[in-house]
Amino acid sequence: MASDELDGTADQDDVKRGAHHVQSLERGLAVIKSFDAQHPQLTLSDVARRTGLTRAAARRFLLTLADLGYVRTDGKHFTLAAKVLELGYSYLSSMTLPEVAQPHLEQLSTEVHESSSVSVLDGADIVYIARVAASRIMTVSINIGTRFPAYATSMGHVLLAGLTAPQLDAYLAATALAPLTSHTLTDADALRAELETVRAQGYSIVDQELEAGLRSLAAPVRDHSGTVIAAINISTHATRQDMDSIRTQLVPRLLAAAQRIERDLAGAAPIARLG
């Protein structure tokens, strides 16, 4: 780029950065970032002023971005085009479910002061793929990769409720419903009835079926097609939360967290269609 198109601090900035630094890329991103909610439409002079570029440099960047479809112009005013969202889509589409879920688990755990997790169904078990531990409430340590029988957990009930009828039949035919506590559902018909309730109400509450003293609630996480792909839960000790407080205080926050994860997961699909 010609020297008369750069602002006066260019030489100083170059000294601070390594030889790998591509200044034109930095300046192009600065032009994009000059647009915001308060400034959705800018003139050439506006962009030059907000970025510190000369008018000549700002014009070249704006017209290049327009050629690439990231900016629209009526000849005087410039606005970002929807194609700019593809830059964010590249990031979102590269994220895995645990990466998407983790900040929402952290927020949820902070809100309710309890542990929260996300798991998926793998054979007869749930497998933890993301977790925020607020306190130790089980006799065993739970880490990423920990497995528990799906039939005795709230996340398992949510995931089993998301199966098709043939898939659930196959699961029950292959799984021995062994009692883990005196509360564990070990009758297939009783479990089916419970899963129908879970499917209808959109969440599961399990009271000490996996371990004495442990209560948990879970909600489904669905993909853009509505298929249940994971479950999010809150786990607590029976001495801290009674069933009424779980339903009135924890369930709404859990469902809201599940919706936030779903929004982040689904966000990539509409973004890919824009522009």
C-alpha atoms as a PDB file:
ATOM      1  CA  MET A   1       0.000   0.000   0.000  1.00  0.00           C
ATOM      2  CA  ALA A   2       1.299   3.484  -0.865  1.00  0.00           C
ATOM      3  CA  SER A   3       2.787   5.427   2.038  1.00  0.00           C
ATOM      4  CA  ASP A   4       0.430   8.368   1.550  1.00  0.00           C
ATOM      5  CA  GLU A   5      -2.495   6.071   2.377  1.00  0.00           C
ATOM      6  CA  LEU A   6      -1.277   5.187   5.859  1.00  0.00           C
ATOM      7  CA  ASP A   7      -1.846   7.118   9.035  1.00  0.00           C
ATOM      8  CA  GLY A   8       1.005   8.796  10.830  1.00  0.00           C
ATOM      9  CA  THR A   9       1.483   6.049  13.433  1.00  0.00           C
ATOM     10  CA  ALA A  10       2.155   3.295  10.886  1.00  0.00           C
ATOM     11  CA  ASP A  11       5.929   3.250  11.321  1.00  0.00           C
ATOM     12  CA  GLN A  12       5.640   3.201  15.108  1.00  0.00           C
ATOM     13  CA  ASP A  13       3.107   0.356  14.993  1.00  0.00           C
ATOM     14  CA  ASP A  14       5.352  -1.697  12.690  1.00  0.00           C
ATOM     15  CA  VAL A  15       8.228  -1.442  15.168  1.00  0.00           C
ATOM     16  CA  LYS A  16       6.057  -2.987  17.904  1.00  0.00           C
ATOM     17  CA  ARG A  17       5.061  -6.010  15.780  1.00  0.00           C
ATOM     18  CA  GLY A  18       6.975  -8.882  14.218  1.00  0.00           C
ATOM     19  CA  ALA A  19       7.928  -9.250  10.578  1.00  0.00           C
ATOM     20  CA  HIS A  20       4.955 -11.598  10.102  1.00  0.00           C
ATOM     21  CA  HIS A  21       2.447  -8.818  10.744  1.00  0.00           C
ATOM     22  CA  VAL A  22       0.177  -8.017   7.778  1.00  0.00           C
ATOM     23  CA  GLN A  23      -0.871  -4.441   8.358  1.00  0.00           C
ATOM     24  CA  SER A  24      -3.366  -4.336   5.500  1.00  0.00           C
ATOM     25  CA  LEU A  25      -5.312  -7.207   7.094  1.00  0.00           C
ATOM     26  CA  GLU A  26      -5.378  -5.364  10.414  1.00  0.00           C
ATOM     27  CA  ARG A  27      -6.671  -2.234   8.714  1.00  0.00           C
ATOM     28  CA  GLY A  28      -9.315  -4.123   6.747  1.00  0.00           C
ATOM     29  CA  LEU A  29     -10.649  -5.636   9.971  1.00  0.00           C
ATOM     30  CA  ALA A  30     -10.607  -2.181  11.574  1.00  0.00           C
ATOM     31  CA  VAL A  31     -12.830  -0.916   8.764  1.00  0.00           C
ATOM     32  CA  ILE A  32     -15.328  -3.720   9.388  1.00  0.00           C
ATOM     33  CA  LYS A  33     -15.256  -3.071  13.146  1.00  0.00           C
ATOM     34  CA  SER A  34     -15.911   0.639  12.626  1.00  0.00           C
ATOM     35  CA  PHE A  35     -19.564  -0.269  12.010  1.00  0.00           C
ATOM     36  CA  ASP A  36     -21.620  -1.032  15.106  1.00  0.00           C
ATOM     37  CA  ALA A  37     -25.151  -0.772  16.494  1.00  0.00           C
ATOM     38  CA  GLN A  38     -24.793   2.978  16.977  1.00  0.00           C
ATOM     39  CA  HIS A  39     -23.123   3.460  13.581  1.00  0.00           C
ATOM     40  CA  PRO A  40     -24.718   1.000  11.118  1.00  0.00           C
ATOM     41  CA  GLN A  41     -24.267   3.418   8.189  1.00  0.00           C
ATOM     42  CA  LEU A  42     -21.104   5.427   7.612  1.00  0.00           C
ATOM     43  CA  THR A  43     -19.674   7.751   4.981  1.00  0.00           C
ATOM     44  CA  LEU A  44     -16.133   7.461   3.687  1.00  0.00           C
ATOM     45  CA  SER A  45     -15.112  10.332   5.977  1.00  0.00           C
ATOM     46  CA  ASP A  46     -16.762   8.605   8.953  1.00  0.00           C
ATOM     47  CA  VAL A  47     -14.802   5.407   8.350  1.00  0.00           C
ATOM     48  CA  ALA A  48     -11.535   7.315   7.926  1.00  0.00           C
ATOM     49  CA  ARG A  49     -12.121   9.183  11.172  1.00  0.00           C
ATOM     50  CA  ARG A  50     -13.153   6.087  13.183  1.00  0.00           C
ATOM     51  CA  THR A  51     -10.215   3.989  11.962  1.00  0.00           C
ATOM     52  CA  GLY A  52      -7.484   6.613  11.777  1.00  0.00           C
ATOM     53  CA  LEU A  53      -6.938   5.873   8.089  1.00  0.00           C
ATOM     54  CA  THR A  54      -6.594   8.465   5.380  1.00  0.00           C
ATOM     55  CA  ARG A  55      -9.627   8.908   3.118  1.00  0.00           C
ATOM     56  CA  ALA A  56      -7.698   7.269   0.259  1.00  0.00           C
ATOM     57  CA  ALA A  57      -6.909   4.185   2.349  1.00  0.00           C
ATOM     58  CA  ALA A  58     -10.437   3.959   3.757  1.00  0.00           C
ATOM     59  CA  ARG A  59     -11.866   4.187   0.235  1.00  0.00           C
ATOM     60  CA  ARG A  60      -9.686   1.331  -1.035  1.00  0.00           C
ATOM     61  CA  PHE A  61     -10.654  -0.929   1.866  1.00  0.00           C
ATOM     62  CA  LEU A  62     -14.351  -0.110   1.578  1.00  0.00           C
ATOM     63  CA  LEU A  63     -14.454  -0.709  -2.166  1.00  0.00           C
ATOM     64  CA  THR A  64     -12.522  -3.969  -1.803  1.00  0.00           C
ATOM     65  CA  LEU A  65     -14.951  -5.140   0.870  1.00  0.00           C
ATOM     66  CA  ALA A  66     -17.821  -4.130  -1.401  1.00  0.00           C
ATOM     67  CA  ASP A  67     -16.301  -6.126  -4.283  1.00  0.00           C
ATOM     68  CA  LEU A  68     -16.124  -9.162  -1.963  1.00  0.00           C
ATOM     69  CA  GLY A  69     -19.726  -8.718  -0.833  1.00  0.00           C
ATOM     70  CA  TYR A  70     -19.041  -7.738   2.781  1.00  0.00           C
ATOM     71  CA  VAL A  71     -20.110  -4.098   2.376  1.00  0.00           C
ATOM     72  CA  ARG A  72     -22.930  -2.365   0.495  1.00  0.00           C
ATOM     73  CA  THR A  73     -22.893   1.208  -0.735  1.00  0.00           C
ATOM     74  CA  ASP A  74     -25.249   3.641  -2.429  1.00  0.00           C
ATOM     75  CA  GLY A  75     -22.300   5.680  -3.629  1.00  0.00           C
ATOM     76  CA  LYS A  76     -22.134   7.854  -0.513  1.00  0.00           C
ATOM     77  CA  HIS A  77     -23.054   5.727   2.481  1.00  0.00           C
ATOM     78  CA  PHE A  78     -21.664   2.312   3.395  1.00  0.00           C
ATOM     79  CA  THR A  79     -23.289  -0.489   5.431  1.00  0.00           C
ATOM     80  CA  LEU A  80     -22.192  -4.004   6.293  1.00  0.00           C
ATOM     81  CA  ALA A  81     -23.745  -6.792   4.228  1.00  0.00           C
ATOM     82  CA  ALA A  82     -25.071 -10.014   5.731  1.00  0.00           C
ATOM     83  CA  LYS A  83     -22.102 -11.885   4.271  1.00  0.00           C
ATOM     84  CA  VAL A  84     -19.970 -10.458   7.076  1.00  0.00           C
ATOM     85  CA  LEU A  85     -21.709 -12.956   9.382  1.00  0.00           C
ATOM     86  CA  GLU A  86     -19.853 -15.734   7.583  1.00  0.00           C
ATOM     87  CA  LEU A  87     -16.746 -14.635   9.466  1.00  0.00           C
ATOM     88  CA  GLY A  88     -18.469 -15.516  12.724  1.00  0.00           C
ATOM     89  CA  TYR A  89     -19.984 -18.633  11.207  1.00  0.00           C
ATOM     90  CA  SER A  90     -16.527 -20.022  10.526  1.00  0.00           C
ATOM     91  CA  TYR A  91     -15.838 -19.832  14.247  1.00  0.00           C
ATOM     92  CA  LEU A  92     -19.206 -21.202  15.342  1.00  0.00           C
ATOM     93  CA  SER A  93     -19.100 -24.114  12.926  1.00  0.00           C
ATOM     94  CA  SER A  94     -15.644 -25.120  14.179  1.00  0.00           C
ATOM     95  CA  MET A  95     -16.762 -25.274  17.799  1.00  0.00           C
ATOM     96  CA  THR A  96     -17.611 -28.593  19.391  1.00  0.00           C
ATOM     97  CA  LEU A  97     -20.633 -29.149  21.628  1.00  0.00           C
ATOM     98  CA  PRO A  98     -18.532 -29.055  24.830  1.00  0.00           C
ATOM     99  CA  GLU A  99     -16.996 -25.735  23.779  1.00  0.00           C
ATOM    100  CA  VAL A 100     -20.419 -24.273  23.048  1.00  0.00           C
ATOM    101  CA  ALA A 101     -21.907 -25.604  26.286  1.00  0.00           C
ATOM    102  CA  GLN A 102     -19.120 -24.731  28.718  1.00  0.00           C
ATOM    103  CA  PRO A 103     -19.785 -20.989  29.182  1.00  0.00           C
ATOM    104  CA  HIS A 104     -23.484 -21.694  29.641  1.00  0.00           C
ATOM    105  CA  LEU A 105     -22.714 -24.301  32.295  1.00  0.00           C
ATOM    106  CA  GLU A 106     -20.530 -21.770  34.072  1.00  0.00           C
ATOM    107  CA  GLN A 107     -23.329 -19.204  33.997  1.00  0.00           C
ATOM    108  CA  LEU A 108     -25.907 -21.723  35.189  1.00  0.00           C
ATOM    109  CA  SER A 109     -23.717 -22.991  38.014  1.00  0.00           C
ATOM    110  CA  THR A 110     -23.076 -19.428  39.154  1.00  0.00           C
ATOM    111  CA  GLU A 111     -26.813 -18.685  39.124  1.00  0.00           C
ATOM    112  CA  VAL A 112     -27.918 -21.722  41.140  1.00  0.00           C
ATOM    113  CA  HIS A 113     -24.753 -22.433  43.165  1.00  0.00           C
ATOM    114  CA  GLU A 114     -24.889 -26.076  42.150  1.00  0.00           C
ATOM    115  CA  SER A 115     -22.927 -28.335  39.821  1.00  0.00           C
ATOM    116  CA  SER A 116     -24.026 -28.584  36.193  1.00  0.00           C
ATOM    117  CA  SER A 117     -23.035 -30.895  33.362  1.00  0.00           C
ATOM    118  CA  VAL A 118     -23.707 -31.907  29.780  1.00  0.00           C
ATOM    119  CA  SER A 119     -23.709 -35.526  28.644  1.00  0.00           C
ATOM    120  CA  VAL A 120     -24.501 -37.631  25.596  1.00  0.00           C
ATOM    121  CA  LEU A 121     -25.870 -41.151  25.256  1.00  0.00           C
ATOM    122  CA  ASP A 122     -23.330 -43.852  24.422  1.00  0.00           C
ATOM    123  CA  GLY A 123     -24.820 -47.316  24.363  1.00  0.00           C
ATOM    124  CA  ALA A 124     -26.474 -47.957  27.712  1.00  0.00           C
ATOM    125  CA  ASP A 125     -24.653 -45.117  29.475  1.00  0.00           C
ATOM    126  CA  ILE A 126     -24.477 -41.377  29.632  1.00  0.00           C
ATOM    127  CA  VAL A 127     -21.008 -39.920  29.126  1.00  0.00           C
ATOM    128  CA  TYR A 128     -20.040 -36.546  30.587  1.00  0.00           C
ATOM    129  CA  ILE A 129     -18.621 -34.197  27.955  1.00  0.00           C
ATOM    130  CA  ALA A 130     -18.675 -30.877  29.866  1.00  0.00           C
ATOM    131  CA  ARG A 131     -18.999 -30.026  33.538  1.00  0.00           C
ATOM    132  CA  VAL A 132     -18.772 -27.272  36.138  1.00  0.00           C
ATOM    133  CA  ALA A 133     -18.489 -28.620  39.685  1.00  0.00           C
ATOM    134  CA  ALA A 134     -19.721 -26.280  42.408  1.00  0.00           C
ATOM    135  CA  SER A 135     -19.251 -28.828  45.177  1.00  0.00           C
ATOM    136  CA  ARG A 136     -18.544 -32.512  45.763  1.00  0.00           C
ATOM    137  CA  ILE A 137     -21.921 -34.209  46.238  1.00  0.00           C
ATOM    138  CA  MET A 138     -21.207 -37.773  45.090  1.00  0.00           C
ATOM    139  CA  THR A 139     -19.013 -40.463  46.583  1.00  0.00           C
ATOM    140  CA  VAL A 140     -17.296 -40.828  43.208  1.00  0.00           C
ATOM    141  CA  SER A 141     -15.468 -38.085  41.364  1.00  0.00           C
ATOM    142  CA  ILE A 142     -17.096 -36.955  38.113  1.00  0.00           C
ATOM    143  CA  ASN A 143     -14.822 -35.939  35.254  1.00  0.00           C
ATOM    144  CA  ILE A 144     -15.120 -35.576  31.500  1.00  0.00           C
ATOM    145  CA  GLY A 145     -15.632 -39.096  30.221  1.00  0.00           C
ATOM    146  CA  THR A 146     -17.320 -40.391  33.394  1.00  0.00           C
ATOM    147  CA  ARG A 147     -20.106 -42.863  32.605  1.00  0.00           C
ATOM    148  CA  PHE A 148     -23.296 -43.729  34.494  1.00  0.00           C
ATOM    149  CA  PRO A 149     -26.235 -45.999  33.606  1.00  0.00           C
ATOM    150  CA  ALA A 150     -28.739 -43.931  31.636  1.00  0.00           C
ATOM    151  CA  TYR A 151     -31.804 -45.468  33.342  1.00  0.00           C
ATOM    152  CA  ALA A 152     -30.781 -44.135  36.776  1.00  0.00           C
ATOM    153  CA  THR A 153     -29.925 -40.517  35.894  1.00  0.00           C
ATOM    154  CA  SER A 154     -31.881 -37.410  34.956  1.00  0.00           C
ATOM    155  CA  MET A 155     -29.731 -36.808  31.878  1.00  0.00           C
ATOM    156  CA  GLY A 156     -30.217 -40.449  30.938  1.00  0.00           C
ATOM    157  CA  HIS A 157     -33.989 -40.101  31.213  1.00  0.00           C
ATOM    158  CA  VAL A 158     -33.914 -37.068  28.949  1.00  0.00           C
ATOM    159  CA  LEU A 159     -31.736 -38.823  26.396  1.00  0.00           C
ATOM    160  CA  LEU A 160     -33.792 -42.028  26.502  1.00  0.00           C
ATOM    161  CA  ALA A 161     -36.982 -39.988  26.109  1.00  0.00           C
ATOM    162  CA  GLY A 162     -35.506 -38.593  22.903  1.00  0.00           C
ATOM    163  CA  LEU A 163     -35.101 -42.031  21.341  1.00  0.00           C
ATOM    164  CA  THR A 164     -37.492 -43.440  18.781  1.00  0.00           C
ATOM    165  CA  ALA A 165     -39.753 -46.291  19.912  1.00  0.00           C
ATOM    166  CA  PRO A 166     -37.606 -48.977  18.210  1.00  0.00           C
ATOM    167  CA  GLN A 167     -34.445 -47.493  19.713  1.00  0.00           C
ATOM    168  CA  LEU A 168     -35.961 -47.482  23.199  1.00  0.00           C
ATOM    169  CA  ASP A 169     -37.173 -51.051  22.751  1.00  0.00           C
ATOM    170  CA  ALA A 170     -33.653 -52.109  21.808  1.00  0.00           C
ATOM    171  CA  TYR A 171     -32.200 -50.274  24.795  1.00  0.00           C
ATOM    172  CA  LEU A 172     -34.564 -51.946  27.266  1.00  0.00           C
ATOM    173  CA  ALA A 173     -34.024 -55.350  25.710  1.00  0.00           C
ATOM    174  CA  ALA A 174     -30.263 -55.050  26.090  1.00  0.00           C
ATOM    175  CA  THR A 175     -30.081 -53.329  29.497  1.00  0.00           C
ATOM    176  CA  ALA A 176     -30.450 -54.905  32.928  1.00  0.00           C
ATOM    177  CA  LEU A 177     -32.201 -52.396  35.198  1.00  0.00           C
ATOM    178  CA  ALA A 178     -30.252 -53.160  38.358  1.00  0.00           C
ATOM    179  CA  PRO A 179     -31.156 -51.321  41.590  1.00  0.00           C
ATOM    180  CA  LEU A 180     -28.468 -48.797  42.513  1.00  0.00           C
ATOM    181  CA  THR A 181     -30.503 -47.413  45.430  1.00  0.00           C
ATOM    182  CA  SER A 182     -33.910 -48.156  46.891  1.00  0.00           C
ATOM    183  CA  HIS A 183     -35.303 -45.415  44.612  1.00  0.00           C
ATOM    184  CA  THR A 184     -33.992 -46.767  41.295  1.00  0.00           C
ATOM    185  CA  LEU A 185     -36.621 -47.608  38.699  1.00  0.00           C
ATOM    186  CA  THR A 186     -36.003 -51.242  37.808  1.00  0.00           C
ATOM    187  CA  ASP A 187     -39.305 -52.067  36.112  1.00  0.00           C
ATOM    188  CA  ALA A 188     -39.293 -51.499  32.354  1.00  0.00           C
ATOM    189  CA  ASP A 189     -42.936 -50.431  32.235  1.00  0.00           C
ATOM    190  CA  ALA A 190     -42.415 -47.945  35.076  1.00  0.00           C
ATOM    191  CA  LEU A 191     -39.385 -46.541  33.290  1.00  0.00           C
ATOM    192  CA  ARG A 192     -41.351 -46.229  30.048  1.00  0.00           C
ATOM    193  CA  ALA A 193     -44.081 -44.314  31.888  1.00  0.00           C
ATOM    194  CA  GLU A 194     -41.510 -42.003  33.436  1.00  0.00           C
ATOM    195  CA  LEU A 195     -39.956 -41.345  30.048  1.00  0.00           C
ATOM    196  CA  GLU A 196     -43.374 -40.433  28.652  1.00  0.00           C
ATOM    197  CA  THR A 197     -43.706 -37.867  31.440  1.00  0.00           C
ATOM    198  CA  VAL A 198     -40.242 -36.520  30.698  1.00  0.00           C
ATOM    199  CA  ARG A 199     -41.057 -36.255  27.004  1.00  0.00           C
ATOM    200  CA  ALA A 200     -44.294 -34.416  27.715  1.00  0.00           C
ATOM    201  CA  GLN A 201     -42.976 -31.911  30.270  1.00  0.00           C
ATOM    202  CA  GLY A 202     -39.602 -31.322  28.645  1.00  0.00           C
ATOM    203  CA  TYR A 203     -37.383 -32.120  31.601  1.00  0.00           C
ATOM    204  CA  SER A 204     -36.542 -34.863  34.103  1.00  0.00           C
ATOM    205  CA  ILE A 205     -36.160 -34.870  37.876  1.00  0.00           C
ATOM    206  CA  VAL A 206     -34.503 -37.889  39.466  1.00  0.00           C
ATOM    207  CA  ASP A 207     -34.627 -38.293  43.226  1.00  0.00           C
ATOM    208  CA  GLN A 208     -31.800 -40.451  44.608  1.00  0.00           C
ATOM    209  CA  GLU A 209     -31.988 -43.151  41.938  1.00  0.00           C
ATOM    210  CA  LEU A 210     -28.245 -43.139  41.209  1.00  0.00           C
ATOM    211  CA  GLU A 211     -26.928 -42.462  44.702  1.00  0.00           C
ATOM    212  CA  ALA A 212     -28.578 -41.852  48.051  1.00  0.00           C
ATOM    213  CA  GLY A 213     -28.830 -38.129  48.790  1.00  0.00           C
ATOM    214  CA  LEU A 214     -28.335 -37.076  45.171  1.00  0.00           C
ATOM    215  CA  ARG A 215     -31.085 -35.222  43.340  1.00  0.00           C
ATOM    216  CA  SER A 216     -30.731 -34.040  39.779  1.00  0.00           C
ATOM    217  CA  LEU A 217     -32.757 -32.452  37.037  1.00  0.00           C
ATOM    218  CA  ALA A 218     -32.036 -32.442  33.322  1.00  0.00           C
ATOM    219  CA  ALA A 219     -33.313 -30.942  30.086  1.00  0.00           C
ATOM    220  CA  PRO A 220     -32.711 -31.909  26.465  1.00  0.00           C
ATOM    221  CA  VAL A 221     -30.401 -30.080  24.100  1.00  0.00           C
ATOM    222  CA  ARG A 222     -31.700 -30.332  20.537  1.00  0.00           C
ATOM    223  CA  ASP A 223     -30.101 -29.654  17.187  1.00  0.00           C
ATOM    224  CA  HIS A 224     -31.675 -27.518  14.448  1.00  0.00           C
ATOM    225  CA  SER A 225     -33.899 -30.430  13.374  1.00  0.00           C
ATOM    226  CA  GLY A 226     -35.306 -30.941  16.874  1.00  0.00           C
ATOM    227  CA  THR A 227     -33.365 -34.136  17.549  1.00  0.00           C
ATOM    228  CA  VAL A 228     -32.151 -34.581  21.124  1.00  0.00           C
ATOM    229  CA  ILE A 229     -28.352 -34.697  20.895  1.00  0.00           C
ATOM    230  CA  ALA A 230     -27.361 -34.082  24.522  1.00  0.00           C
ATOM    231  CA  ALA A 231     -28.683 -33.340  27.986  1.00  0.00           C
ATOM    232  CA  ILE A 232     -27.841 -30.611  30.482  1.00  0.00           C
ATOM    233  CA  ASN A 233     -28.356 -31.066  34.197  1.00  0.00           C
ATOM    234  CA  ILE A 234     -28.123 -29.557  37.643  1.00  0.00           C
ATOM    235  CA  SER A 235     -27.182 -31.856  40.501  1.00  0.00           C
ATOM    236  CA  THR A 236     -27.755 -31.117  44.166  1.00  0.00           C
ATOM    237  CA  HIS A 237     -27.932 -32.807  47.536  1.00  0.00           C
ATOM    238  CA  ALA A 238     -31.300 -33.717  49.020  1.00  0.00           C
ATOM    239  CA  THR A 239     -30.493 -31.696  52.138  1.00  0.00           C
ATOM    240  CA  ARG A 240     -30.093 -28.502  50.076  1.00  0.00           C
ATOM    241  CA  GLN A 241     -33.042 -28.643  47.700  1.00  0.00           C
ATOM    242  CA  ASP A 242     -36.480 -30.132  48.243  1.00  0.00           C
ATOM    243  CA  MET A 243     -38.588 -31.214  45.285  1.00  0.00           C
ATOM    244  CA  ASP A 244     -40.718 -28.051  45.318  1.00  0.00           C
ATOM    245  CA  SER A 245     -37.700 -25.744  45.151  1.00  0.00           C
ATOM    246  CA  ILE A 246     -36.222 -27.854  42.373  1.00  0.00           C
ATOM    247  CA  ARG A 247     -39.382 -27.430  40.296  1.00  0.00           C
ATOM    248  CA  THR A 248     -39.959 -23.751  41.005  1.00  0.00           C
ATOM    249  CA  GLN A 249     -36.412 -22.397  41.197  1.00  0.00           C
ATOM    250  CA  LEU A 250     -34.044 -24.712  39.353  1.00  0.00           C
ATOM    251  CA  VAL A 251     -36.122 -26.011  36.438  1.00  0.00           C
ATOM    252  CA  PRO A 252     -36.729 -22.572  34.841  1.00  0.00           C
ATOM    253  CA  ARG A 253     -33.021 -21.721  34.973  1.00  0.00           C
ATOM    254  CA  LEU A 254     -32.094 -25.116  33.579  1.00  0.00           C
ATOM    255  CA  LEU A 255     -34.503 -24.777  30.652  1.00  0.00           C
ATOM    256  CA  ALA A 256     -33.198 -21.290  29.913  1.00  0.00           C
ATOM    257  CA  ALA A 257     -29.611 -22.596  29.821  1.00  0.00           C
ATOM    258  CA  ALA A 258     -30.634 -25.403  27.454  1.00  0.00           C
ATOM    259  CA  GLN A 259     -32.254 -22.861  25.140  1.00  0.00           C
ATOM    260  CA  ARG A 260     -29.119 -20.716  25.137  1.00  0.00           C
ATOM    261  CA  ILE A 261     -26.995 -23.698  24.127  1.00  0.00           C
ATOM    262  CA  GLU A 262     -29.466 -24.593  21.391  1.00  0.00           C
ATOM    263  CA  ARG A 263     -29.383 -21.026  20.066  1.00  0.00           C
ATOM    264  CA  ASP A 264     -25.602 -21.124  19.837  1.00  0.00           C
ATOM    265  CA  LEU A 265     -25.652 -24.504  18.143  1.00  0.00           C
ATOM    266  CA  ALA A 266     -28.385 -23.495  15.700  1.00  0.00           C
ATOM    267  CA  GLY A 267     -26.915 -20.066  14.992  1.00  0.00           C
ATOM    268  CA  ALA A 268     -24.575 -21.419  12.359  1.00  0.00           C
ATOM    269  CA  ALA A 269     -27.375 -22.731  10.142  1.00  0.00           C
ATOM    270  CA  PRO A 270     -29.174 -19.422   9.393  1.00  0.00           C
ATOM    271  CA  ILE A 271     -25.878 -17.560   9.202  1.00  0.00           C
ATOM    272  CA  ALA A 272     -24.696 -19.883   6.435  1.00  0.00           C
ATOM    273  CA  ARG A 273     -27.725 -18.922   4.352  1.00  0.00           C
ATOM    274  CA  LEU A 274     -27.229 -15.171   4.633  1.00  0.00           C
ATOM    275  CA  GLY A 275     -25.576 -12.990   2.046  1.00  0.00           C
END
